[in-house]
C-alpha cells in the first residue's frame, strides 16, 4: 500500500514560487516608474509644460477647454507619448500595453486627478474608458482597484 500524499510541500513550493514571481514583477515595475515622465524635463516637452501646466490645473479633465489646451500642446504630447509606454497613445490603444504599463497608467491617472482643482479618479476612469476604447471588464478592474486602494 502506498503512503498517503501530503500536499503541504508542493503547496509551500507553489507559494514560494508565486511570491518569487510577484517580487520580480514588483522589481520591474519599480524600475519602470523610476523613469516615469522624465521626458517632460527635456525639450520640446519642458517648455510647453511650463506654459500649460498652470492653465490645466484649473480646467476640468475631459472638458472642451481641456481638449483645446491639449491640442495646443500637440508637439510636446506627441514627443511624450512616443517615449512613455504607460500612455495608450504609445501603442495606439491599451491592447499593446502590458500589466506594468497598465499599473503605471492607473497610478498616473490618480496622480493627475490630484493636480486638478476638481479632479476625480472615478470621472477619469469613465472618460478614459471612452477615450481609449477600454473594455467594460478593464474599466471594472480600475474601479475595483480604486476602491481597494481607498482612492
C-alpha atoms as a PDB file:
ATOM      1  CA  UNK A   1       0.000   0.000   0.000  1.00  0.00           C
ATOM      2  CA  UNK A   2       1.323   3.445  -0.900  1.00  0.00           C
ATOM      3  CA  UNK A   3       1.839   6.231   1.558  1.00  0.00           C
ATOM      4  CA  UNK A   4      -0.867   8.932   1.712  1.00  0.00           C
ATOM      5  CA  UNK A   5       0.095  12.031  -0.287  1.00  0.00           C
ATOM      6  CA  UNK A   6       0.627  15.195   1.741  1.00  0.00           C
ATOM      7  CA  UNK A   7       0.245  18.321  -0.397  1.00  0.00           C
ATOM      8  CA  UNK A   8       1.963  20.622   2.119  1.00  0.00           C
ATOM      9  CA  UNK A   9       5.421  20.572   0.462  1.00  0.00           C
ATOM     10  CA  UNK A  10       4.023  21.148  -3.032  1.00  0.00           C
ATOM     11  CA  UNK A  11       1.775  23.937  -1.750  1.00  0.00           C
ATOM     12  CA  UNK A  12       4.634  25.613   0.081  1.00  0.00           C
ATOM     13  CA  UNK A  13       6.759  25.423  -3.079  1.00  0.00           C
ATOM     14  CA  UNK A  14       3.898  26.917  -5.097  1.00  0.00           C
ATOM     15  CA  UNK A  15       3.503  29.762  -2.584  1.00  0.00           C
ATOM     16  CA  UNK A  16       7.246  30.441  -2.691  1.00  0.00           C
ATOM     17  CA  UNK A  17       7.223  30.488  -6.498  1.00  0.00           C
ATOM     18  CA  UNK A  18       4.253  32.867  -6.701  1.00  0.00           C
ATOM     19  CA  UNK A  19       5.995  35.179  -4.230  1.00  0.00           C
ATOM     20  CA  UNK A  20       9.195  34.999  -6.280  1.00  0.00           C
ATOM     21  CA  UNK A  21       7.342  35.871  -9.498  1.00  0.00           C
ATOM     22  CA  UNK A  22       5.403  38.698  -7.828  1.00  0.00           C
ATOM     23  CA  UNK A  23       8.641  40.086  -6.361  1.00  0.00           C
ATOM     24  CA  UNK A  24      10.143  40.085  -9.862  1.00  0.00           C
ATOM     25  CA  UNK A  25       7.128  41.947 -11.276  1.00  0.00           C
ATOM     26  CA  UNK A  26       7.340  44.486  -8.451  1.00  0.00           C
ATOM     27  CA  UNK A  27      11.057  44.951  -9.129  1.00  0.00           C
ATOM     28  CA  UNK A  28      10.368  45.508 -12.833  1.00  0.00           C
ATOM     29  CA  UNK A  29       7.562  47.969 -12.047  1.00  0.00           C
ATOM     30  CA  UNK A  30       9.842  49.901  -9.705  1.00  0.00           C
ATOM     31  CA  UNK A  31      12.493  50.089 -12.441  1.00  0.00           C
ATOM     32  CA  UNK A  32       9.900  51.274 -14.946  1.00  0.00           C
ATOM     33  CA  UNK A  33       8.471  54.023 -12.736  1.00  0.00           C
ATOM     34  CA  UNK A  34      11.944  55.347 -11.908  1.00  0.00           C
ATOM     35  CA  UNK A  35      11.793  56.878 -15.397  1.00  0.00           C
ATOM     36  CA  UNK A  36       8.159  57.981 -15.171  1.00  0.00           C
ATOM     37  CA  UNK A  37       7.643  61.127 -17.272  1.00  0.00           C
ATOM     38  CA  UNK A  38      11.339  62.091 -17.336  1.00  0.00           C
ATOM     39  CA  UNK A  39      10.803  63.164 -20.953  1.00  0.00           C
ATOM     40  CA  UNK A  40       8.821  66.110 -19.535  1.00  0.00           C
ATOM     41  CA  UNK A  41      12.150  67.508 -18.378  1.00  0.00           C
ATOM     42  CA  UNK A  42      13.539  67.791 -21.913  1.00  0.00           C
ATOM     43  CA  UNK A  43      12.678  69.809 -24.991  1.00  0.00           C
ATOM     44  CA  UNK A  44      10.152  70.174 -26.542  1.00  0.00           C
ATOM     45  CA  UNK A  45       8.095  68.986 -23.588  1.00  0.00           C
ATOM     46  CA  UNK A  46       9.598  71.131 -20.828  1.00  0.00           C
ATOM     47  CA  UNK A  47       8.895  74.481 -22.455  1.00  0.00           C
ATOM     48  CA  UNK A  48       5.334  73.563 -23.377  1.00  0.00           C
ATOM     49  CA  UNK A  49       4.535  72.014 -19.993  1.00  0.00           C
ATOM     50  CA  UNK A  50       5.999  75.125 -18.315  1.00  0.00           C
ATOM     51  CA  UNK A  51       3.419  77.172 -20.183  1.00  0.00           C
ATOM     52  CA  UNK A  52       0.379  74.907 -19.959  1.00  0.00           C
ATOM     53  CA  UNK A  53       0.589  73.048 -16.627  1.00  0.00           C
ATOM     54  CA  UNK A  54      -0.600  76.054 -14.588  1.00  0.00           C
ATOM     55  CA  UNK A  55      -3.504  76.540 -17.017  1.00  0.00           C
ATOM     56  CA  UNK A  56      -4.523  72.861 -16.898  1.00  0.00           C
ATOM     57  CA  UNK A  57      -4.787  72.884 -13.090  1.00  0.00           C
ATOM     58  CA  UNK A  58      -7.942  74.996 -13.212  1.00  0.00           C
ATOM     59  CA  UNK A  59      -9.576  73.053 -16.047  1.00  0.00           C
ATOM     60  CA  UNK A  60     -11.926  70.103 -15.778  1.00  0.00           C
ATOM     61  CA  UNK A  61     -10.386  66.948 -17.227  1.00  0.00           C
ATOM     62  CA  UNK A  62     -12.089  65.999 -20.475  1.00  0.00           C
ATOM     63  CA  UNK A  63     -13.827  69.371 -20.931  1.00  0.00           C
ATOM     64  CA  UNK A  64     -13.795  71.189 -24.268  1.00  0.00           C
ATOM     65  CA  UNK A  65     -11.452  73.780 -22.742  1.00  0.00           C
ATOM     66  CA  UNK A  66      -9.122  70.986 -21.613  1.00  0.00           C
ATOM     67  CA  UNK A  67      -9.170  69.328 -25.043  1.00  0.00           C
ATOM     68  CA  UNK A  68      -8.411  72.668 -26.708  1.00  0.00           C
ATOM     69  CA  UNK A  69      -5.447  73.133 -24.403  1.00  0.00           C
ATOM     70  CA  UNK A  70      -4.165  69.650 -25.278  1.00  0.00           C
ATOM     71  CA  UNK A  71      -4.434  70.486 -28.984  1.00  0.00           C
ATOM     72  CA  UNK A  72      -2.147  73.479 -28.372  1.00  0.00           C
ATOM     73  CA  UNK A  73       0.299  71.148 -26.632  1.00  0.00           C
ATOM     74  CA  UNK A  74       0.455  68.666 -29.526  1.00  0.00           C
ATOM     75  CA  UNK A  75       4.233  68.858 -30.197  1.00  0.00           C
ATOM     76  CA  UNK A  76       5.004  68.125 -26.534  1.00  0.00           C
ATOM     77  CA  UNK A  77       2.344  65.431 -26.242  1.00  0.00           C
ATOM     78  CA  UNK A  78       3.451  63.670 -29.423  1.00  0.00           C
ATOM     79  CA  UNK A  79       7.009  63.634 -28.092  1.00  0.00           C
ATOM     80  CA  UNK A  80       5.805  62.460 -24.669  1.00  0.00           C
ATOM     81  CA  UNK A  81       3.538  59.670 -25.909  1.00  0.00           C
ATOM     82  CA  UNK A  82       6.266  58.358 -28.224  1.00  0.00           C
ATOM     83  CA  UNK A  83       8.613  57.892 -25.246  1.00  0.00           C
ATOM     84  CA  UNK A  84       6.341  56.630 -22.474  1.00  0.00           C
ATOM     85  CA  UNK A  85       4.748  53.187 -22.632  1.00  0.00           C
ATOM     86  CA  UNK A  86       2.292  53.966 -19.826  1.00  0.00           C
ATOM     87  CA  UNK A  87       0.300  56.032 -22.329  1.00  0.00           C
ATOM     88  CA  UNK A  88      -2.082  54.140 -24.634  1.00  0.00           C
ATOM     89  CA  UNK A  89      -1.036  56.509 -27.431  1.00  0.00           C
ATOM     90  CA  UNK A  90       2.397  54.829 -27.442  1.00  0.00           C
ATOM     91  CA  UNK A  91       0.727  51.662 -28.766  1.00  0.00           C
ATOM     92  CA  UNK A  92      -2.308  53.138 -30.482  1.00  0.00           C
ATOM     93  CA  UNK A  93      -4.509  51.884 -27.609  1.00  0.00           C
ATOM     94  CA  UNK A  94      -4.375  49.786 -24.470  1.00  0.00           C
ATOM     95  CA  UNK A  95      -4.213  46.461 -26.337  1.00  0.00           C
ATOM     96  CA  UNK A  96      -0.444  46.768 -26.824  1.00  0.00           C
ATOM     97  CA  UNK A  97       0.220  47.547 -23.177  1.00  0.00           C
ATOM     98  CA  UNK A  98       1.390  45.071 -20.563  1.00  0.00           C
ATOM     99  CA  UNK A  99       0.318  44.843 -16.911  1.00  0.00           C
ATOM    100  CA  UNK A 100       3.189  47.047 -15.766  1.00  0.00           C
ATOM    101  CA  UNK A 101       2.174  49.767 -18.232  1.00  0.00           C
ATOM    102  CA  UNK A 102      -1.441  49.470 -17.057  1.00  0.00           C
ATOM    103  CA  UNK A 103      -0.466  49.811 -13.396  1.00  0.00           C
ATOM    104  CA  UNK A 104       1.739  52.823 -14.135  1.00  0.00           C
ATOM    105  CA  UNK A 105      -1.038  54.377 -16.243  1.00  0.00           C
ATOM    106  CA  UNK A 106      -3.576  53.906 -13.454  1.00  0.00           C
ATOM    107  CA  UNK A 107      -1.222  55.486 -10.895  1.00  0.00           C
ATOM    108  CA  UNK A 108      -0.612  58.318 -13.378  1.00  0.00           C
ATOM    109  CA  UNK A 109      -4.368  58.892 -13.663  1.00  0.00           C
ATOM    110  CA  UNK A 110      -4.667  59.062  -9.870  1.00  0.00           C
ATOM    111  CA  UNK A 111      -1.743  61.481  -9.549  1.00  0.00           C
ATOM    112  CA  UNK A 112      -3.139  63.636 -12.378  1.00  0.00           C
ATOM    113  CA  UNK A 113      -6.503  63.961 -10.619  1.00  0.00           C
ATOM    114  CA  UNK A 114      -4.653  65.357  -7.625  1.00  0.00           C
ATOM    115  CA  UNK A 115      -3.268  68.170  -9.788  1.00  0.00           C
ATOM    116  CA  UNK A 116      -6.705  69.448 -10.805  1.00  0.00           C
ATOM    117  CA  UNK A 117      -8.927  71.525  -8.551  1.00  0.00           C
ATOM    118  CA  UNK A 118     -11.918  69.307  -9.401  1.00  0.00           C
ATOM    119  CA  UNK A 119     -10.026  66.098 -10.166  1.00  0.00           C
ATOM    120  CA  UNK A 120     -11.861  62.801  -9.780  1.00  0.00           C
ATOM    121  CA  UNK A 121     -10.405  59.364 -10.419  1.00  0.00           C
ATOM    122  CA  UNK A 122     -13.922  57.977 -10.841  1.00  0.00           C
ATOM    123  CA  UNK A 123     -14.684  60.502 -13.602  1.00  0.00           C
ATOM    124  CA  UNK A 124     -11.260  59.951 -15.177  1.00  0.00           C
ATOM    125  CA  UNK A 125     -11.859  56.214 -15.399  1.00  0.00           C
ATOM    126  CA  UNK A 126     -15.105  56.797 -17.286  1.00  0.00           C
ATOM    127  CA  UNK A 127     -13.635  59.449 -19.591  1.00  0.00           C
ATOM    128  CA  UNK A 128     -10.539  57.368 -20.337  1.00  0.00           C
ATOM    129  CA  UNK A 129     -12.566  54.202 -20.920  1.00  0.00           C
ATOM    130  CA  UNK A 130     -14.368  56.012 -23.732  1.00  0.00           C
ATOM    131  CA  UNK A 131     -11.260  57.864 -24.950  1.00  0.00           C
ATOM    132  CA  UNK A 132      -9.140  54.724 -25.270  1.00  0.00           C
ATOM    133  CA  UNK A 133     -11.812  52.117 -26.027  1.00  0.00           C
ATOM    134  CA  UNK A 134     -11.175  50.328 -22.742  1.00  0.00           C
ATOM    135  CA  UNK A 135     -13.297  47.227 -22.285  1.00  0.00           C
ATOM    136  CA  UNK A 136     -16.001  47.186 -19.618  1.00  0.00           C
ATOM    137  CA  UNK A 137     -14.028  44.426 -17.887  1.00  0.00           C
ATOM    138  CA  UNK A 138     -10.848  46.501 -17.553  1.00  0.00           C
ATOM    139  CA  UNK A 139     -12.921  49.542 -16.605  1.00  0.00           C
ATOM    140  CA  UNK A 140     -14.463  47.481 -13.772  1.00  0.00           C
ATOM    141  CA  UNK A 141     -10.971  46.359 -12.698  1.00  0.00           C
ATOM    142  CA  UNK A 142      -9.917  50.020 -12.468  1.00  0.00           C
ATOM    143  CA  UNK A 143     -12.973  50.834 -10.351  1.00  0.00           C
ATOM    144  CA  UNK A 144     -12.385  47.799  -8.121  1.00  0.00           C
ATOM    145  CA  UNK A 145      -8.747  48.814  -7.681  1.00  0.00           C
ATOM    146  CA  UNK A 146      -9.741  52.392  -6.856  1.00  0.00           C
ATOM    147  CA  UNK A 147     -11.968  51.069  -4.084  1.00  0.00           C
ATOM    148  CA  UNK A 148      -9.363  48.569  -2.838  1.00  0.00           C
ATOM    149  CA  UNK A 149      -6.733  51.318  -2.666  1.00  0.00           C
ATOM    150  CA  UNK A 150      -9.101  53.701  -0.870  1.00  0.00           C
ATOM    151  CA  UNK A 151      -8.852  56.251  -3.657  1.00  0.00           C
END
